[in-house]
Every structure is written in structure tokens, then in C-alpha cells.
PDB file of all heavy atoms in Angstrom:
ATOM      1  N   PHE A   1     -18.517 -67.427 -12.186  1.00  0.00           N
ATOM      2  CA  PHE A   1     -17.061 -67.293 -12.327  1.00  0.00           C
ATOM      3  C   PHE A   1     -16.341 -68.555 -11.885  1.00  0.00           C
ATOM      4  O   PHE A   1     -15.421 -69.036 -12.568  1.00  0.00           O
ATOM      5  CB  PHE A   1     -16.575 -66.096 -11.511  1.00  0.00           C
ATOM      6  CG  PHE A   1     -15.102 -65.850 -11.623  1.00  0.00           C
ATOM      7  CD1 PHE A   1     -14.580 -65.192 -12.718  1.00  0.00           C
ATOM      8  CD2 PHE A   1     -14.234 -66.292 -10.630  1.00  0.00           C
ATOM      9  CE1 PHE A   1     -13.210 -64.960 -12.825  1.00  0.00           C
ATOM     10  CE2 PHE A   1     -12.874 -66.076 -10.728  1.00  0.00           C
ATOM     11  CZ  PHE A   1     -12.352 -65.406 -11.827  1.00  0.00           C
ATOM     12  N   MET A   2     -16.753 -69.122 -10.743  1.00  0.00           N
ATOM     13  CA  MET A   2     -16.077 -70.297 -10.220  1.00  0.00           C
ATOM     14  C   MET A   2     -16.427 -71.563 -10.991  1.00  0.00           C
ATOM     15  O   MET A   2     -15.734 -72.570 -10.887  1.00  0.00           O
ATOM     16  CB  MET A   2     -16.416 -70.485  -8.737  1.00  0.00           C
ATOM     17  CG  MET A   2     -15.809 -69.426  -7.832  1.00  0.00           C
ATOM     18  SD  MET A   2     -14.019 -69.211  -8.035  1.00  0.00           S
ATOM     19  CE  MET A   2     -13.403 -70.853  -7.681  1.00  0.00           C
ATOM     20  N   LEU A   3     -17.496 -71.563 -11.775  1.00  0.00           N
ATOM     21  CA  LEU A   3     -17.766 -72.691 -12.666  1.00  0.00           C
ATOM     22  C   LEU A   3     -16.879 -72.634 -13.896  1.00  0.00           C
ATOM     23  O   LEU A   3     -16.454 -73.666 -14.419  1.00  0.00           O
ATOM     24  CB  LEU A   3     -19.242 -72.687 -13.089  1.00  0.00           C
ATOM     25  CG  LEU A   3     -20.248 -73.240 -12.083  1.00  0.00           C
ATOM     26  CD1 LEU A   3     -21.677 -72.955 -12.554  1.00  0.00           C
ATOM     27  CD2 LEU A   3     -20.053 -74.729 -11.874  1.00  0.00           C
ATOM     28  N   GLY A   4     -16.590 -71.428 -14.366  1.00  0.00           N
ATOM     29  CA  GLY A   4     -15.759 -71.287 -15.555  1.00  0.00           C
ATOM     30  C   GLY A   4     -14.277 -71.390 -15.285  1.00  0.00           C
ATOM     31  O   GLY A   4     -13.527 -71.954 -16.100  1.00  0.00           O
ATOM     32  N   LEU A   5     -13.824 -70.845 -14.149  1.00  0.00           N
ATOM     33  CA  LEU A   5     -12.391 -70.824 -13.852  1.00  0.00           C
ATOM     34  C   LEU A   5     -11.771 -72.218 -13.769  1.00  0.00           C
ATOM     35  O   LEU A   5     -10.721 -72.453 -14.376  1.00  0.00           O
ATOM     36  CB  LEU A   5     -12.146 -70.049 -12.548  1.00  0.00           C
ATOM     37  CG  LEU A   5     -10.684 -69.908 -12.125  1.00  0.00           C
ATOM     38  CD1 LEU A   5      -9.891 -69.136 -13.166  1.00  0.00           C
ATOM     39  CD2 LEU A   5     -10.591 -69.235 -10.758  1.00  0.00           C
ATOM     40  N   PRO A   6     -12.354 -73.184 -13.037  1.00  0.00           N
ATOM     41  CA  PRO A   6     -11.752 -74.524 -13.008  1.00  0.00           C
ATOM     42  C   PRO A   6     -11.681 -75.170 -14.384  1.00  0.00           C
ATOM     43  O   PRO A   6     -10.702 -75.851 -14.708  1.00  0.00           O
ATOM     44  CB  PRO A   6     -12.675 -75.310 -12.070  1.00  0.00           C
ATOM     45  CG  PRO A   6     -13.340 -74.289 -11.233  1.00  0.00           C
ATOM     46  CD  PRO A   6     -13.515 -73.107 -12.130  1.00  0.00           C
ATOM     47  N   CYS A   7     -12.721 -74.986 -15.200  1.00  0.00           N
ATOM     48  CA  CYS A   7     -12.697 -75.538 -16.555  1.00  0.00           C
ATOM     49  C   CYS A   7     -11.542 -74.952 -17.353  1.00  0.00           C
ATOM     50  O   CYS A   7     -10.833 -75.661 -18.073  1.00  0.00           O
ATOM     51  CB  CYS A   7     -14.020 -75.261 -17.265  1.00  0.00           C
ATOM     52  SG  CYS A   7     -15.447 -76.086 -16.533  1.00  0.00           S
ATOM     53  N   PHE A   8     -11.347 -73.643 -17.219  1.00  0.00           N
ATOM     54  CA  PHE A   8     -10.275 -72.960 -17.950  1.00  0.00           C
ATOM     55  C   PHE A   8      -8.900 -73.449 -17.512  1.00  0.00           C
ATOM     56  O   PHE A   8      -8.042 -73.767 -18.341  1.00  0.00           O
ATOM     57  CB  PHE A   8     -10.406 -71.455 -17.731  1.00  0.00           C
ATOM     58  CG  PHE A   8      -9.353 -70.647 -18.420  1.00  0.00           C
ATOM     59  CD1 PHE A   8      -9.430 -70.417 -19.785  1.00  0.00           C
ATOM     60  CD2 PHE A   8      -8.310 -70.102 -17.706  1.00  0.00           C
ATOM     61  CE1 PHE A   8      -8.455 -69.661 -20.428  1.00  0.00           C
ATOM     62  CE2 PHE A   8      -7.335 -69.344 -18.325  1.00  0.00           C
ATOM     63  CZ  PHE A   8      -7.406 -69.117 -19.696  1.00  0.00           C
ATOM     64  N   VAL A   9      -8.691 -73.502 -16.202  1.00  0.00           N
ATOM     65  CA  VAL A   9      -7.382 -73.924 -15.678  1.00  0.00           C
ATOM     66  C   VAL A   9      -7.109 -75.378 -16.013  1.00  0.00           C
ATOM     67  O   VAL A   9      -6.005 -75.744 -16.462  1.00  0.00           O
ATOM     68  CB  VAL A   9      -7.312 -73.692 -14.153  1.00  0.00           C
ATOM     69  CG1 VAL A   9      -6.042 -74.303 -13.571  1.00  0.00           C
ATOM     70  CG2 VAL A   9      -7.369 -72.201 -13.844  1.00  0.00           C
ATOM     71  N   MET A  10      -8.112 -76.247 -15.834  1.00  0.00           N
ATOM     72  CA  MET A  10      -7.924 -77.671 -16.085  1.00  0.00           C
ATOM     73  C   MET A  10      -7.716 -77.982 -17.569  1.00  0.00           C
ATOM     74  O   MET A  10      -7.187 -79.042 -17.917  1.00  0.00           O
ATOM     75  CB  MET A  10      -9.125 -78.457 -15.564  1.00  0.00           C
ATOM     76  CG  MET A  10      -9.215 -78.522 -14.051  1.00  0.00           C
ATOM     77  SD  MET A  10      -7.798 -79.389 -13.315  1.00  0.00           S
ATOM     78  CE  MET A  10      -8.357 -79.556 -11.618  1.00  0.00           C
ATOM     79  N   SER A  11      -8.126 -77.066 -18.455  1.00  0.00           N
ATOM     80  CA  SER A  11      -7.914 -77.298 -19.879  1.00  0.00           C
ATOM     81  C   SER A  11      -6.452 -77.129 -20.258  1.00  0.00           C
ATOM     82  O   SER A  11      -6.023 -77.589 -21.324  1.00  0.00           O
ATOM     83  CB  SER A  11      -8.781 -76.331 -20.701  1.00  0.00           C
ATOM     84  OG  SER A  11      -8.361 -74.994 -20.533  1.00  0.00           O
ATOM     85  N   PHE A  12      -5.666 -76.495 -19.382  1.00  0.00           N
ATOM     86  CA  PHE A  12      -4.240 -76.316 -19.637  1.00  0.00           C
ATOM     87  C   PHE A  12      -3.377 -77.237 -18.784  1.00  0.00           C
ATOM     88  O   PHE A  12      -2.261 -77.589 -19.175  1.00  0.00           O
ATOM     89  CB  PHE A  12      -3.825 -74.862 -19.354  1.00  0.00           C
ATOM     90  CG  PHE A  12      -4.375 -73.866 -20.331  1.00  0.00           C
ATOM     91  CD1 PHE A  12      -5.532 -73.158 -20.043  1.00  0.00           C
ATOM     92  CD2 PHE A  12      -3.747 -73.645 -21.550  1.00  0.00           C
ATOM     93  CE1 PHE A  12      -6.044 -72.245 -20.940  1.00  0.00           C
ATOM     94  CE2 PHE A  12      -4.252 -72.728 -22.459  1.00  0.00           C
ATOM     95  CZ  PHE A  12      -5.400 -72.026 -22.155  1.00  0.00           C
ATOM     96  N   VAL A  13      -3.879 -77.629 -17.611  1.00  0.00           N
ATOM     97  CA  VAL A  13      -3.087 -78.432 -16.677  1.00  0.00           C
ATOM     98  C   VAL A  13      -3.473 -79.899 -16.813  1.00  0.00           C
ATOM     99  O   VAL A  13      -4.651 -80.252 -16.709  1.00  0.00           O
ATOM    100  CB  VAL A  13      -3.322 -77.957 -15.228  1.00  0.00           C
ATOM    101  CG1 VAL A  13      -2.529 -78.811 -14.252  1.00  0.00           C
ATOM    102  CG2 VAL A  13      -2.953 -76.488 -15.085  1.00  0.00           C
ATOM    103  N   ARG A  14      -2.499 -80.746 -17.034  1.00  0.00           N
ATOM    104  CA  ARG A  14      -2.762 -82.179 -17.199  1.00  0.00           C
ATOM    105  C   ARG A  14      -2.965 -82.895 -15.871  1.00  0.00           C
ATOM    106  O   ARG A  14      -3.742 -83.833 -15.771  1.00  0.00           O
ATOM    107  CB  ARG A  14      -1.591 -82.826 -17.952  1.00  0.00           C
ATOM    108  CG  ARG A  14      -1.465 -82.365 -19.396  1.00  0.00           C
ATOM    109  CD  ARG A  14      -2.600 -82.904 -20.226  1.00  0.00           C
ATOM    110  NE  ARG A  14      -2.545 -82.437 -21.615  1.00  0.00           N
ATOM    111  CZ  ARG A  14      -3.431 -82.770 -22.537  1.00  0.00           C
ATOM    112  NH1 ARG A  14      -4.446 -83.542 -22.217  1.00  0.00           N
ATOM    113  NH2 ARG A  14      -3.317 -82.303 -23.758  1.00  0.00           N
ATOM    114  N   SER A  15      -2.256 -82.433 -14.859  1.00  0.00           N
ATOM    115  CA  SER A  15      -2.335 -83.081 -13.553  1.00  0.00           C
ATOM    116  C   SER A  15      -3.533 -82.545 -12.773  1.00  0.00           C
ATOM    117  O   SER A  15      -3.663 -81.333 -12.571  1.00  0.00           O
ATOM    118  CB  SER A  15      -1.052 -82.845 -12.763  1.00  0.00           C
ATOM    119  OG  SER A  15      -1.184 -83.279 -11.425  1.00  0.00           O
ATOM    120  N   ARG A  16      -4.418 -83.444 -12.354  1.00  0.00           N
ATOM    121  CA  ARG A  16      -5.591 -83.021 -11.587  1.00  0.00           C
ATOM    122  C   ARG A  16      -5.176 -82.429 -10.245  1.00  0.00           C
ATOM    123  O   ARG A  16      -5.724 -81.403  -9.822  1.00  0.00           O
ATOM    124  CB  ARG A  16      -6.534 -84.197 -11.378  1.00  0.00           C
ATOM    125  CG  ARG A  16      -7.794 -83.847 -10.625  1.00  0.00           C
ATOM    126  CD  ARG A  16      -8.707 -85.053 -10.455  1.00  0.00           C
ATOM    127  NE  ARG A  16      -9.115 -85.627 -11.736  1.00  0.00           N
ATOM    128  CZ  ARG A  16      -9.963 -86.640 -11.846  1.00  0.00           C
ATOM    129  NH1 ARG A  16     -10.476 -87.199 -10.757  1.00  0.00           N
ATOM    130  NH2 ARG A  16     -10.289 -87.097 -13.034  1.00  0.00           N
ATOM    131  N   ALA A  17      -4.218 -83.040  -9.571  1.00  0.00           N
ATOM    132  CA  ALA A  17      -3.778 -82.550  -8.261  1.00  0.00           C
ATOM    133  C   ALA A  17      -3.176 -81.151  -8.383  1.00  0.00           C
ATOM    134  O   ALA A  17      -3.482 -80.260  -7.576  1.00  0.00           O
ATOM    135  CB  ALA A  17      -2.760 -83.515  -7.657  1.00  0.00           C
ATOM    136  N   LEU A  18      -2.344 -80.945  -9.412  1.00  0.00           N
ATOM    137  CA  LEU A  18      -1.744 -79.623  -9.616  1.00  0.00           C
ATOM    138  C   LEU A  18      -2.819 -78.592  -9.939  1.00  0.00           C
ATOM    139  O   LEU A  18      -2.754 -77.452  -9.469  1.00  0.00           O
ATOM    140  CB  LEU A  18      -0.716 -79.686 -10.747  1.00  0.00           C
ATOM    141  CG  LEU A  18      -0.026 -78.364 -11.111  1.00  0.00           C
ATOM    142  CD1 LEU A  18       0.713 -77.804  -9.908  1.00  0.00           C
ATOM    143  CD2 LEU A  18       0.929 -78.570 -12.289  1.00  0.00           C
ATOM    144  N   GLY A  19      -3.803 -78.984 -10.716  1.00  0.00           N
ATOM    145  CA  GLY A  19      -4.891 -78.073 -11.039  1.00  0.00           C
ATOM    146  C   GLY A  19      -5.663 -77.645  -9.809  1.00  0.00           C
ATOM    147  O   GLY A  19      -6.000 -76.468  -9.649  1.00  0.00           O
ATOM    148  N   TYR A  20      -5.943 -78.598  -8.925  1.00  0.00           N
ATOM    149  CA  TYR A  20      -6.662 -78.261  -7.694  1.00  0.00           C
ATOM    150  C   TYR A  20      -5.841 -77.312  -6.817  1.00  0.00           C
ATOM    151  O   TYR A  20      -6.382 -76.373  -6.216  1.00  0.00           O
ATOM    152  CB  TYR A  20      -6.986 -79.531  -6.911  1.00  0.00           C
ATOM    153  CG  TYR A  20      -8.081 -80.367  -7.534  1.00  0.00           C
ATOM    154  CD1 TYR A  20      -8.110 -81.753  -7.363  1.00  0.00           C
ATOM    155  CD2 TYR A  20      -9.099 -79.788  -8.285  1.00  0.00           C
ATOM    156  CE1 TYR A  20      -9.113 -82.527  -7.928  1.00  0.00           C
ATOM    157  CE2 TYR A  20     -10.095 -80.560  -8.848  1.00  0.00           C
ATOM    158  CZ  TYR A  20     -10.101 -81.931  -8.671  1.00  0.00           C
ATOM    159  OH  TYR A  20     -11.105 -82.684  -9.229  1.00  0.00           O
ATOM    160  N   ILE A  21      -4.546 -77.556  -6.739  1.00  0.00           N
ATOM    161  CA  ILE A  21      -3.680 -76.685  -5.937  1.00  0.00           C
ATOM    162  C   ILE A  21      -3.675 -75.264  -6.494  1.00  0.00           C
ATOM    163  O   ILE A  21      -3.783 -74.277  -5.750  1.00  0.00           O
ATOM    164  CB  ILE A  21      -2.249 -77.253  -5.885  1.00  0.00           C
ATOM    165  CG1 ILE A  21      -2.230 -78.569  -5.098  1.00  0.00           C
ATOM    166  CG2 ILE A  21      -1.286 -76.247  -5.252  1.00  0.00           C
ATOM    167  CD1 ILE A  21      -0.890 -79.276  -5.114  1.00  0.00           C
ATOM    168  N   LEU A  22      -3.569 -75.142  -7.814  1.00  0.00           N
ATOM    169  CA  LEU A  22      -3.587 -73.824  -8.449  1.00  0.00           C
ATOM    170  C   LEU A  22      -4.916 -73.108  -8.208  1.00  0.00           C
ATOM    171  O   LEU A  22      -4.949 -71.914  -7.896  1.00  0.00           O
ATOM    172  CB  LEU A  22      -3.329 -73.959  -9.948  1.00  0.00           C
ATOM    173  CG  LEU A  22      -1.905 -74.333 -10.375  1.00  0.00           C
ATOM    174  CD1 LEU A  22      -1.852 -74.560 -11.877  1.00  0.00           C
ATOM    175  CD2 LEU A  22      -0.929 -73.241  -9.962  1.00  0.00           C
ATOM    176  N   LEU A  23      -6.012 -73.844  -8.352  1.00  0.00           N
ATOM    177  CA  LEU A  23      -7.329 -73.242  -8.187  1.00  0.00           C
ATOM    178  C   LEU A  23      -7.586 -72.817  -6.744  1.00  0.00           C
ATOM    179  O   LEU A  23      -8.129 -71.733  -6.501  1.00  0.00           O
ATOM    180  CB  LEU A  23      -8.406 -74.239  -8.636  1.00  0.00           C
ATOM    181  CG  LEU A  23      -8.500 -74.459 -10.147  1.00  0.00           C
ATOM    182  CD1 LEU A  23      -9.357 -75.679 -10.466  1.00  0.00           C
ATOM    183  CD2 LEU A  23      -9.071 -73.221 -10.826  1.00  0.00           C
ATOM    184  N   LEU A  24      -7.207 -73.660  -5.795  1.00  0.00           N
ATOM    185  CA  LEU A  24      -7.367 -73.281  -4.392  1.00  0.00           C
ATOM    186  C   LEU A  24      -6.481 -72.087  -4.050  1.00  0.00           C
ATOM    187  O   LEU A  24      -6.875 -71.205  -3.272  1.00  0.00           O
ATOM    188  CB  LEU A  24      -7.033 -74.476  -3.490  1.00  0.00           C
ATOM    189  CG  LEU A  24      -8.038 -75.634  -3.533  1.00  0.00           C
ATOM    190  CD1 LEU A  24      -7.513 -76.824  -2.727  1.00  0.00           C
ATOM    191  CD2 LEU A  24      -9.403 -75.199  -2.991  1.00  0.00           C
ATOM    192  N   GLY A  25      -5.281 -72.054  -4.641  1.00  0.00           N
ATOM    193  CA  GLY A  25      -4.391 -70.913  -4.427  1.00  0.00           C
ATOM    194  C   GLY A  25      -4.960 -69.628  -5.001  1.00  0.00           C
ATOM    195  O   GLY A  25      -4.919 -68.569  -4.356  1.00  0.00           O
ATOM    196  N   LEU A  26      -5.522 -69.695  -6.213  1.00  0.00           N
ATOM    197  CA  LEU A  26      -6.143 -68.515  -6.822  1.00  0.00           C
ATOM    198  C   LEU A  26      -7.332 -68.029  -6.007  1.00  0.00           C
ATOM    199  O   LEU A  26      -7.516 -66.827  -5.814  1.00  0.00           O
ATOM    200  CB  LEU A  26      -6.580 -68.844  -8.254  1.00  0.00           C
ATOM    201  CG  LEU A  26      -5.479 -68.988  -9.301  1.00  0.00           C
ATOM    202  CD1 LEU A  26      -6.051 -69.501 -10.618  1.00  0.00           C
ATOM    203  CD2 LEU A  26      -4.771 -67.650  -9.518  1.00  0.00           C
ATOM    204  N   THR A  27      -8.134 -68.981  -5.516  1.00  0.00           N
ATOM    205  CA  THR A  27      -9.286 -68.607  -4.704  1.00  0.00           C
ATOM    206  C   THR A  27      -8.842 -67.952  -3.402  1.00  0.00           C
ATOM    207  O   THR A  27      -9.449 -66.977  -2.945  1.00  0.00           O
ATOM    208  CB  THR A  27     -10.146 -69.847  -4.400  1.00  0.00           C
ATOM    209  OG1 THR A  27     -10.527 -70.475  -5.630  1.00  0.00           O
ATOM    210  CG2 THR A  27     -11.395 -69.472  -3.631  1.00  0.00           C
ATOM    211  N   ALA A  28      -7.779 -68.484  -2.790  1.00  0.00           N
ATOM    212  CA  ALA A  28      -7.260 -67.888  -1.563  1.00  0.00           C
ATOM    213  C   ALA A  28      -6.737 -66.478  -1.816  1.00  0.00           C
ATOM    214  O   ALA A  28      -6.938 -65.570  -0.998  1.00  0.00           O
ATOM    215  CB  ALA A  28      -6.147 -68.770  -0.994  1.00  0.00           C
ATOM    216  N   LEU A  29      -6.080 -66.274  -2.964  1.00  0.00           N
ATOM    217  CA  LEU A  29      -5.594 -64.929  -3.305  1.00  0.00           C
ATOM    218  C   LEU A  29      -6.757 -63.957  -3.481  1.00  0.00           C
ATOM    219  O   LEU A  29      -6.707 -62.818  -3.015  1.00  0.00           O
ATOM    220  CB  LEU A  29      -4.758 -64.990  -4.590  1.00  0.00           C
ATOM    221  CG  LEU A  29      -3.363 -65.595  -4.473  1.00  0.00           C
ATOM    222  CD1 LEU A  29      -2.713 -65.694  -5.851  1.00  0.00           C
ATOM    223  CD2 LEU A  29      -2.486 -64.753  -3.537  1.00  0.00           C
ATOM    224  N   LEU A  30      -7.807 -64.409  -4.158  1.00  0.00           N
ATOM    225  CA  LEU A  30      -8.978 -63.556  -4.344  1.00  0.00           C
ATOM    226  C   LEU A  30      -9.651 -63.238  -3.012  1.00  0.00           C
ATOM    227  O   LEU A  30     -10.163 -62.134  -2.805  1.00  0.00           O
ATOM    228  CB  LEU A  30      -9.985 -64.237  -5.287  1.00  0.00           C
ATOM    229  CG  LEU A  30      -9.590 -64.324  -6.761  1.00  0.00           C
ATOM    230  CD1 LEU A  30     -10.578 -65.204  -7.521  1.00  0.00           C
ATOM    231  CD2 LEU A  30      -9.525 -62.939  -7.384  1.00  0.00           C
ATOM    232  N   PHE A  31      -9.642 -64.208  -2.114  1.00  0.00           N
ATOM    233  CA  PHE A  31     -10.324 -64.038  -0.832  1.00  0.00           C
ATOM    234  C   PHE A  31      -9.538 -63.153   0.136  1.00  0.00           C
ATOM    235  O   PHE A  31     -10.114 -62.279   0.799  1.00  0.00           O
ATOM    236  CB  PHE A  31     -10.574 -65.403  -0.203  1.00  0.00           C
ATOM    237  CG  PHE A  31     -11.243 -65.344   1.135  1.00  0.00           C
ATOM    238  CD1 PHE A  31     -12.593 -65.017   1.232  1.00  0.00           C
ATOM    239  CD2 PHE A  31     -10.543 -65.608   2.300  1.00  0.00           C
ATOM    240  CE1 PHE A  31     -13.220 -64.950   2.468  1.00  0.00           C
ATOM    241  CE2 PHE A  31     -11.155 -65.553   3.537  1.00  0.00           C
ATOM    242  CZ  PHE A  31     -12.500 -65.221   3.625  1.00  0.00           C
ATOM    243  N   TYR A  32      -8.217 -63.366   0.214  1.00  0.00           N
ATOM    244  CA  TYR A  32      -7.416 -62.682   1.228  1.00  0.00           C
ATOM    245  C   TYR A  32      -6.767 -61.388   0.744  1.00  0.00           C
ATOM    246  O   TYR A  32      -6.650 -60.425   1.511  1.00  0.00           O
ATOM    247  CB  TYR A  32      -6.318 -63.606   1.750  1.00  0.00           C
ATOM    248  CG  TYR A  32      -6.835 -64.709   2.656  1.00  0.00           C
ATOM    249  CD1 TYR A  32      -6.890 -66.021   2.216  1.00  0.00           C
ATOM    250  CD2 TYR A  32      -7.274 -64.434   3.950  1.00  0.00           C
ATOM    251  CE1 TYR A  32      -7.362 -67.037   3.037  1.00  0.00           C
ATOM    252  CE2 TYR A  32      -7.749 -65.430   4.785  1.00  0.00           C
ATOM    253  CZ  TYR A  32      -7.782 -66.734   4.322  1.00  0.00           C
ATOM    254  OH  TYR A  32      -8.259 -67.733   5.129  1.00  0.00           O
ATOM    255  N   TYR A  33      -6.313 -61.346  -0.510  1.00  0.00           N
ATOM    256  CA  TYR A  33      -5.482 -60.235  -0.953  1.00  0.00           C
ATOM    257  C   TYR A  33      -6.096 -59.404  -2.087  1.00  0.00           C
ATOM    258  O   TYR A  33      -6.089 -58.179  -2.031  1.00  0.00           O
ATOM    259  CB  TYR A  33      -4.112 -60.756  -1.397  1.00  0.00           C
ATOM    260  CG  TYR A  33      -3.388 -61.516  -0.316  1.00  0.00           C
ATOM    261  CD1 TYR A  33      -3.247 -62.899  -0.367  1.00  0.00           C
ATOM    262  CD2 TYR A  33      -2.844 -60.850   0.790  1.00  0.00           C
ATOM    263  CE1 TYR A  33      -2.592 -63.601   0.639  1.00  0.00           C
ATOM    264  CE2 TYR A  33      -2.192 -61.532   1.800  1.00  0.00           C
ATOM    265  CZ  TYR A  33      -2.069 -62.913   1.721  1.00  0.00           C
ATOM    266  OH  TYR A  33      -1.435 -63.598   2.719  1.00  0.00           O
ATOM    267  N   ALA A  34      -6.612 -60.068  -3.115  1.00  0.00           N
ATOM    268  CA  ALA A  34      -7.063 -59.337  -4.301  1.00  0.00           C
ATOM    269  C   ALA A  34      -8.250 -58.423  -4.016  1.00  0.00           C
ATOM    270  O   ALA A  34      -8.471 -57.448  -4.733  1.00  0.00           O
ATOM    271  CB  ALA A  34      -7.417 -60.317  -5.417  1.00  0.00           C
TER     272      ALA A  34
END
């Protein structure tokens, strides 16, 4: 799942830094809340 998710998100986001922030945020949501 974590190999596919970054590829999917980065295919839509042009900024690498923004993509990393989104991915870390999604992972934190899955870890703490979801």
C-alpha cells in the first residue's frame, strides 16, 4: 500500500515538498485516527 500511495499522490502533485507533506499527513491520519 505504501509503495503505491506515494506514486499515486506524486502523479497529481507537481511539488515534491508538497507531496511529501500530504503523504506524511495521510500516514499520520491512518496511524492516529483512521
